């Protein structure tokens, strides 16, 4: 277990160095974060503290229980953590992530989610329960379609509201 934790810490350090986050830059971010956090609402502070606390607990739990939980739960946990951090930083804190970081997070989240869905569907198909194939696939494909649909609907509504706000500002 300790070897896995050290491997994760080394991988985290490698990813931070890939994005150019040296210890000096991280300390600068920490100094500005100390000032910025006082300007945030209670919800924003709560979500940040919640994500900081739950991330290591989530990772350690998944590593500790990997043999019993399996690969599907590991992939689902990684995808969930990535999406929760992306939501916390981008949507709640309104941080403008660098283009490179946002692309890597989006691609990694999509690949992990697709692997998770593929493994889940494969597991469901291979399980011999006498249920027709369409009944096995319906929950997964329906949930995926619903999630993608809600995502695009949210983007559409945000663009529509932004257009209304800009037209109201022009008229005033």
C-alpha atoms as a PDB file:
ATOM      1  CA  UNK A   1       0.000   0.000   0.000  1.00  0.00           C
ATOM      2  CA  UNK A   2       2.777   2.465   0.849  1.00  0.00           C
ATOM      3  CA  UNK A   3       4.460   1.790  -2.473  1.00  0.00           C
ATOM      4  CA  UNK A   4       1.209   2.744  -4.222  1.00  0.00           C
ATOM      5  CA  UNK A   5       0.944   5.977  -2.251  1.00  0.00           C
ATOM      6  CA  UNK A   6       4.548   6.913  -3.054  1.00  0.00           C
ATOM      7  CA  UNK A   7       3.898   6.110  -6.720  1.00  0.00           C
ATOM      8  CA  UNK A   8       0.874   8.415  -6.722  1.00  0.00           C
ATOM      9  CA  UNK A   9       2.848  11.225  -5.072  1.00  0.00           C
ATOM     10  CA  UNK A  10       5.647  10.859  -7.640  1.00  0.00           C
ATOM     11  CA  UNK A  11       3.081  10.856 -10.460  1.00  0.00           C
ATOM     12  CA  UNK A  12       1.485  13.989  -8.987  1.00  0.00           C
ATOM     13  CA  UNK A  13       4.877  15.696  -8.816  1.00  0.00           C
ATOM     14  CA  UNK A  14       5.545  14.715 -12.437  1.00  0.00           C
ATOM     15  CA  UNK A  15       2.217  16.158 -13.575  1.00  0.00           C
ATOM     16  CA  UNK A  16       2.869  19.395 -11.665  1.00  0.00           C
ATOM     17  CA  UNK A  17       6.291  19.701 -13.267  1.00  0.00           C
ATOM     18  CA  UNK A  18       4.766  18.991 -16.711  1.00  0.00           C
ATOM     19  CA  UNK A  19       2.556  22.043 -16.285  1.00  0.00           C
ATOM     20  CA  UNK A  20       5.510  24.119 -15.077  1.00  0.00           C
ATOM     21  CA  UNK A  21       4.382  24.349 -11.458  1.00  0.00           C
ATOM     22  CA  UNK A  22       7.698  24.559  -9.635  1.00  0.00           C
ATOM     23  CA  UNK A  23       7.866  24.944  -5.844  1.00  0.00           C
ATOM     24  CA  UNK A  24       8.482  28.692  -6.285  1.00  0.00           C
ATOM     25  CA  UNK A  25       5.365  29.159  -8.401  1.00  0.00           C
ATOM     26  CA  UNK A  26       3.336  27.014  -6.014  1.00  0.00           C
ATOM     27  CA  UNK A  27       4.383  29.205  -3.078  1.00  0.00           C
ATOM     28  CA  UNK A  28       3.345  32.303  -5.050  1.00  0.00           C
ATOM     29  CA  UNK A  29      -0.041  30.699  -5.691  1.00  0.00           C
ATOM     30  CA  UNK A  30      -0.353  29.908  -1.981  1.00  0.00           C
ATOM     31  CA  UNK A  31       0.336  33.556  -1.072  1.00  0.00           C
ATOM     32  CA  UNK A  32      -2.261  34.878  -3.503  1.00  0.00           C
ATOM     33  CA  UNK A  33      -4.731  32.166  -2.450  1.00  0.00           C
ATOM     34  CA  UNK A  34      -4.479  33.340   1.167  1.00  0.00           C
ATOM     35  CA  UNK A  35      -5.640  36.797   0.062  1.00  0.00           C
ATOM     36  CA  UNK A  36      -8.211  35.542  -2.448  1.00  0.00           C
ATOM     37  CA  UNK A  37      -9.919  33.108  -0.088  1.00  0.00           C
ATOM     38  CA  UNK A  38     -11.117  35.944   2.136  1.00  0.00           C
ATOM     39  CA  UNK A  39     -13.018  37.403  -0.831  1.00  0.00           C
ATOM     40  CA  UNK A  40     -14.959  34.202  -1.524  1.00  0.00           C
ATOM     41  CA  UNK A  41     -18.411  33.162  -0.352  1.00  0.00           C
ATOM     42  CA  UNK A  42     -19.096  30.456   2.221  1.00  0.00           C
ATOM     43  CA  UNK A  43     -20.135  27.979  -0.465  1.00  0.00           C
ATOM     44  CA  UNK A  44     -16.904  28.503  -2.382  1.00  0.00           C
ATOM     45  CA  UNK A  45     -14.814  28.095   0.764  1.00  0.00           C
ATOM     46  CA  UNK A  46     -16.750  24.986   1.788  1.00  0.00           C
ATOM     47  CA  UNK A  47     -16.362  23.343  -1.629  1.00  0.00           C
ATOM     48  CA  UNK A  48     -12.633  24.041  -1.711  1.00  0.00           C
ATOM     49  CA  UNK A  49     -12.060  22.635   1.781  1.00  0.00           C
ATOM     50  CA  UNK A  50     -14.316  19.676   1.004  1.00  0.00           C
ATOM     51  CA  UNK A  51     -12.377  18.852  -2.170  1.00  0.00           C
ATOM     52  CA  UNK A  52      -9.017  19.180  -0.404  1.00  0.00           C
ATOM     53  CA  UNK A  53     -10.157  16.816   2.367  1.00  0.00           C
ATOM     54  CA  UNK A  54     -11.968  14.275   0.222  1.00  0.00           C
ATOM     55  CA  UNK A  55      -9.346  13.863  -2.527  1.00  0.00           C
ATOM     56  CA  UNK A  56      -6.644  12.093  -0.460  1.00  0.00           C
ATOM     57  CA  UNK A  57      -9.278  10.081   1.410  1.00  0.00           C
ATOM     58  CA  UNK A  58     -10.842   9.033  -1.884  1.00  0.00           C
ATOM     59  CA  UNK A  59      -7.485   8.043  -3.409  1.00  0.00           C
ATOM     60  CA  UNK A  60      -6.295   6.109  -0.350  1.00  0.00           C
ATOM     61  CA  UNK A  61      -9.625   4.277  -0.061  1.00  0.00           C
ATOM     62  CA  UNK A  62      -9.562   3.239  -3.706  1.00  0.00           C
ATOM     63  CA  UNK A  63      -5.937   2.030  -3.450  1.00  0.00           C
ATOM     64  CA  UNK A  64      -6.546   0.219  -0.192  1.00  0.00           C
ATOM     65  CA  UNK A  65      -9.647  -1.549  -1.528  1.00  0.00           C
ATOM     66  CA  UNK A  66      -8.477  -2.040  -5.135  1.00  0.00           C
ATOM     67  CA  UNK A  67      -8.445  -5.838  -4.933  1.00  0.00           C
ATOM     68  CA  UNK A  68     -12.035  -5.995  -3.704  1.00  0.00           C
ATOM     69  CA  UNK A  69     -13.492  -3.064  -5.666  1.00  0.00           C
ATOM     70  CA  UNK A  70     -11.865  -3.711  -9.036  1.00  0.00           C
ATOM     71  CA  UNK A  71     -10.832  -1.663 -12.022  1.00  0.00           C
ATOM     72  CA  UNK A  72     -14.280  -0.241 -12.762  1.00  0.00           C
ATOM     73  CA  UNK A  73     -14.543   1.440  -9.377  1.00  0.00           C
ATOM     74  CA  UNK A  74     -10.984   2.776  -9.697  1.00  0.00           C
ATOM     75  CA  UNK A  75     -11.735   4.344 -13.078  1.00  0.00           C
ATOM     76  CA  UNK A  76     -15.035   5.729 -11.833  1.00  0.00           C
ATOM     77  CA  UNK A  77     -13.317   7.244  -8.777  1.00  0.00           C
ATOM     78  CA  UNK A  78     -10.614   8.902 -10.873  1.00  0.00           C
ATOM     79  CA  UNK A  79     -13.197  10.313 -13.280  1.00  0.00           C
ATOM     80  CA  UNK A  80     -15.322  11.581 -10.377  1.00  0.00           C
ATOM     81  CA  UNK A  81     -12.360  13.320  -8.712  1.00  0.00           C
ATOM     82  CA  UNK A  82     -11.311  14.968 -11.988  1.00  0.00           C
ATOM     83  CA  UNK A  83     -14.819  16.201 -12.683  1.00  0.00           C
ATOM     84  CA  UNK A  84     -15.371  17.448  -9.135  1.00  0.00           C
ATOM     85  CA  UNK A  85     -12.098  19.414  -9.172  1.00  0.00           C
ATOM     86  CA  UNK A  86     -12.888  20.832 -12.598  1.00  0.00           C
ATOM     87  CA  UNK A  87     -16.350  21.907 -11.422  1.00  0.00           C
ATOM     88  CA  UNK A  88     -14.963  23.376  -8.188  1.00  0.00           C
ATOM     89  CA  UNK A  89     -12.229  25.395  -9.869  1.00  0.00           C
ATOM     90  CA  UNK A  90     -13.945  26.440 -13.058  1.00  0.00           C
ATOM     91  CA  UNK A  91     -17.623  26.811 -12.235  1.00  0.00           C
ATOM     92  CA  UNK A  92     -17.650  27.682  -8.522  1.00  0.00           C
ATOM     93  CA  UNK A  93     -14.378  29.592  -8.128  1.00  0.00           C
ATOM     94  CA  UNK A  94     -14.642  31.056 -11.654  1.00  0.00           C
ATOM     95  CA  UNK A  95     -10.945  30.462 -12.284  1.00  0.00           C
ATOM     96  CA  UNK A  96      -9.722  30.755 -15.833  1.00  0.00           C
ATOM     97  CA  UNK A  97      -7.714  27.582 -16.317  1.00  0.00           C
ATOM     98  CA  UNK A  98      -4.865  27.645 -18.825  1.00  0.00           C
ATOM     99  CA  UNK A  99      -5.888  26.165 -22.178  1.00  0.00           C
ATOM    100  CA  UNK A 100      -3.361  23.346 -21.861  1.00  0.00           C
ATOM    101  CA  UNK A 101      -4.604  22.322 -18.409  1.00  0.00           C
ATOM    102  CA  UNK A 102      -8.238  22.436 -19.473  1.00  0.00           C
ATOM    103  CA  UNK A 103      -7.556  20.300 -22.549  1.00  0.00           C
ATOM    104  CA  UNK A 104      -5.652  17.689 -20.538  1.00  0.00           C
ATOM    105  CA  UNK A 105      -8.383  17.514 -17.876  1.00  0.00           C
ATOM    106  CA  UNK A 106     -11.148  17.272 -20.479  1.00  0.00           C
ATOM    107  CA  UNK A 107      -9.367  14.582 -22.502  1.00  0.00           C
ATOM    108  CA  UNK A 108      -8.363  12.597 -19.410  1.00  0.00           C
ATOM    109  CA  UNK A 109     -11.897  12.782 -18.033  1.00  0.00           C
ATOM    110  CA  UNK A 110     -13.392  11.673 -21.349  1.00  0.00           C
ATOM    111  CA  UNK A 111     -10.958   8.768 -21.770  1.00  0.00           C
ATOM    112  CA  UNK A 112     -11.451   7.579 -18.195  1.00  0.00           C
ATOM    113  CA  UNK A 113     -15.228   7.890 -18.481  1.00  0.00           C
ATOM    114  CA  UNK A 114     -15.289   5.968 -21.771  1.00  0.00           C
ATOM    115  CA  UNK A 115     -13.113   3.228 -20.263  1.00  0.00           C
ATOM    116  CA  UNK A 116     -15.436   3.079 -17.259  1.00  0.00           C
ATOM    117  CA  UNK A 117     -18.561   2.838 -19.421  1.00  0.00           C
ATOM    118  CA  UNK A 118     -16.943   0.246 -21.708  1.00  0.00           C
ATOM    119  CA  UNK A 119     -15.922  -1.952 -18.786  1.00  0.00           C
ATOM    120  CA  UNK A 120     -19.338  -1.608 -17.173  1.00  0.00           C
ATOM    121  CA  UNK A 121     -21.146  -2.550 -20.392  1.00  0.00           C
ATOM    122  CA  UNK A 122     -18.781  -5.464 -20.988  1.00  0.00           C
ATOM    123  CA  UNK A 123     -19.316  -6.716 -17.457  1.00  0.00           C
ATOM    124  CA  UNK A 124     -23.067  -6.437 -17.864  1.00  0.00           C
ATOM    125  CA  UNK A 125     -23.078  -8.256 -21.204  1.00  0.00           C
ATOM    126  CA  UNK A 126     -20.852 -11.082 -20.034  1.00  0.00           C
ATOM    127  CA  UNK A 127     -22.889 -11.712 -16.909  1.00  0.00           C
ATOM    128  CA  UNK A 128     -25.225 -14.552 -17.824  1.00  0.00           C
ATOM    129  CA  UNK A 129     -28.482 -13.656 -16.142  1.00  0.00           C
ATOM    130  CA  UNK A 130     -31.013 -14.580 -18.799  1.00  0.00           C
ATOM    131  CA  UNK A 131     -31.954 -10.936 -19.343  1.00  0.00           C
ATOM    132  CA  UNK A 132     -32.174  -9.737 -22.977  1.00  0.00           C
ATOM    133  CA  UNK A 133     -29.251  -7.658 -24.223  1.00  0.00           C
ATOM    134  CA  UNK A 134     -31.295  -4.495 -24.720  1.00  0.00           C
ATOM    135  CA  UNK A 135     -32.338  -4.543 -21.056  1.00  0.00           C
ATOM    136  CA  UNK A 136     -28.710  -4.891 -20.007  1.00  0.00           C
ATOM    137  CA  UNK A 137     -27.592  -1.925 -22.114  1.00  0.00           C
ATOM    138  CA  UNK A 138     -30.541   0.420 -21.563  1.00  0.00           C
ATOM    139  CA  UNK A 139     -29.496   1.857 -18.161  1.00  0.00           C
ATOM    140  CA  UNK A 140     -25.913   2.580 -19.241  1.00  0.00           C
ATOM    141  CA  UNK A 141     -26.721   4.042 -22.615  1.00  0.00           C
ATOM    142  CA  UNK A 142     -29.695   5.993 -21.259  1.00  0.00           C
ATOM    143  CA  UNK A 143     -27.633   7.448 -18.435  1.00  0.00           C
ATOM    144  CA  UNK A 144     -24.785   8.378 -20.760  1.00  0.00           C
ATOM    145  CA  UNK A 145     -27.169   9.956 -23.267  1.00  0.00           C
ATOM    146  CA  UNK A 146     -28.911  11.870 -20.479  1.00  0.00           C
ATOM    147  CA  UNK A 147     -25.620  13.127 -19.063  1.00  0.00           C
ATOM    148  CA  UNK A 148     -24.320  14.274 -22.446  1.00  0.00           C
ATOM    149  CA  UNK A 149     -27.689  15.866 -23.223  1.00  0.00           C
ATOM    150  CA  UNK A 150     -27.720  17.800 -19.948  1.00  0.00           C
ATOM    151  CA  UNK A 151     -24.146  18.975 -20.601  1.00  0.00           C
ATOM    152  CA  UNK A 152     -25.037  20.342 -24.057  1.00  0.00           C
ATOM    153  CA  UNK A 153     -28.292  21.829 -22.772  1.00  0.00           C
ATOM    154  CA  UNK A 154     -26.347  23.609 -20.021  1.00  0.00           C
ATOM    155  CA  UNK A 155     -23.872  25.013 -22.575  1.00  0.00           C
ATOM    156  CA  UNK A 156     -26.735  26.134 -24.819  1.00  0.00           C
ATOM    157  CA  UNK A 157     -28.556  27.872 -21.976  1.00  0.00           C
ATOM    158  CA  UNK A 158     -25.368  29.604 -20.793  1.00  0.00           C
ATOM    159  CA  UNK A 159     -24.727  30.954 -24.313  1.00  0.00           C
ATOM    160  CA  UNK A 160     -28.337  32.072 -24.626  1.00  0.00           C
ATOM    161  CA  UNK A 161     -28.246  33.865 -21.259  1.00  0.00           C
ATOM    162  CA  UNK A 162     -24.909  35.485 -22.123  1.00  0.00           C
ATOM    163  CA  UNK A 163     -26.441  36.760 -25.366  1.00  0.00           C
ATOM    164  CA  UNK A 164     -29.388  38.251 -23.460  1.00  0.00           C
ATOM    165  CA  UNK A 165     -27.079  39.924 -20.950  1.00  0.00           C
ATOM    166  CA  UNK A 166     -24.937  41.455 -23.678  1.00  0.00           C
ATOM    167  CA  UNK A 167     -28.008  42.752 -25.560  1.00  0.00           C
ATOM    168  CA  UNK A 168     -29.383  44.300 -22.351  1.00  0.00           C
ATOM    169  CA  UNK A 169     -26.028  45.990 -21.673  1.00  0.00           C
ATOM    170  CA  UNK A 170     -25.932  47.387 -25.234  1.00  0.00           C
ATOM    171  CA  UNK A 171     -29.443  48.832 -24.904  1.00  0.00           C
ATOM    172  CA  UNK A 172     -28.637  50.637 -21.650  1.00  0.00           C
END
